[in-house]
Amino acid sequence: MSTIQEIEEAVRKLAPSELEAFRAWFADFDATSWDNQFDRDAAAGKLDALADDAIRTHQQGHCTEL
């Protein structure tokens, strides 16, 4: 049995209150993981082309003030 299957089985066996706590923990874990990946991508320059495009679009007057 793989680790993923073991985790799935364990989650299925959680009591409702434990599942609620797990969901809250996982949401925070997932958000932190996403933030960390975003930071790594930004530091590596992977978002530079998107930023350049946004700046160019703004400079050309194709943006609306929020």
Protein backbone atom coordinates (compact mmCIF):
# COMPACT_ATOMS: atom_id res chain seq x y z
CA MET A 1 0.00 0.00 0.00
CA SER A 2 1.36 3.42 -0.90
CA THR A 3 1.68 6.32 1.50
CA ILE A 4 -1.07 8.19 -0.37
CA GLN A 5 -3.43 5.27 0.02
CA GLU A 6 -2.58 5.05 3.71
CA ILE A 7 -3.30 8.75 4.16
CA GLU A 8 -6.59 8.47 2.26
CA GLU A 9 -7.65 5.55 4.43
CA ALA A 10 -6.69 7.38 7.62
CA VAL A 11 -8.64 10.49 6.56
CA ARG A 12 -11.73 8.40 5.82
CA LYS A 13 -11.56 7.03 9.37
CA LEU A 14 -11.45 10.45 11.08
CA ALA A 15 -14.30 11.48 13.34
CA PRO A 16 -16.18 14.58 12.14
CA SER A 17 -14.41 16.86 14.63
CA GLU A 18 -11.01 15.42 13.64
CA LEU A 19 -11.84 15.86 9.96
CA GLU A 20 -12.75 19.50 10.61
CA ALA A 21 -9.42 20.05 12.37
CA PHE A 22 -7.56 18.27 9.57
CA ARG A 23 -9.27 20.42 6.93
CA ALA A 24 -8.25 23.60 8.77
CA TRP A 25 -4.68 22.35 9.16
CA PHE A 26 -4.47 21.28 5.52
CA ALA A 27 -5.88 24.56 4.22
CA ASP A 28 -3.18 26.43 6.13
CA PHE A 29 -0.49 23.95 5.03
CA ASP A 30 -1.59 24.22 1.39
CA ALA A 31 -1.72 28.03 1.44
CA THR A 32 1.75 28.20 3.00
CA SER A 33 3.11 25.76 0.41
CA TRP A 34 1.60 27.82 -2.41
CA ASP A 35 3.03 31.05 -0.96
CA ASN A 36 6.47 29.47 -0.66
CA GLN A 37 6.35 28.21 -4.25
CA PHE A 38 5.25 31.66 -5.44
CA ASP A 39 8.17 33.25 -3.56
CA ARG A 40 10.64 30.76 -5.10
CA ASP A 41 9.23 31.36 -8.58
CA ALA A 42 9.40 35.13 -8.15
CA ALA A 43 12.98 34.98 -6.85
CA ALA A 44 13.95 32.77 -9.81
CA GLY A 45 12.51 35.29 -12.27
CA LYS A 46 9.74 32.99 -13.47
CA LEU A 47 7.17 35.79 -13.12
CA ASP A 48 9.22 38.53 -14.76
CA ALA A 49 7.57 38.16 -18.18
CA LEU A 50 4.12 38.50 -16.60
CA ALA A 51 5.20 41.59 -14.65
CA ASP A 52 6.75 43.13 -17.77
CA ASP A 53 3.55 42.51 -19.72
CA ALA A 54 1.43 44.08 -16.97
CA ILE A 55 3.68 47.16 -16.80
CA ARG A 56 3.64 47.51 -20.59
CA THR A 57 -0.15 47.20 -20.68
CA HIS A 58 -0.46 49.86 -17.96
CA GLN A 59 1.96 52.21 -19.72
CA GLN A 60 -0.07 51.86 -22.92
CA GLY A 61 -3.15 53.01 -21.04
CA HIS A 62 -5.03 49.72 -21.31
CA CYS A 63 -5.79 49.48 -17.58
CA THR A 64 -8.65 50.68 -15.46
CA GLU A 65 -8.06 52.21 -12.02
CA LEU A 66 -9.59 50.18 -9.23
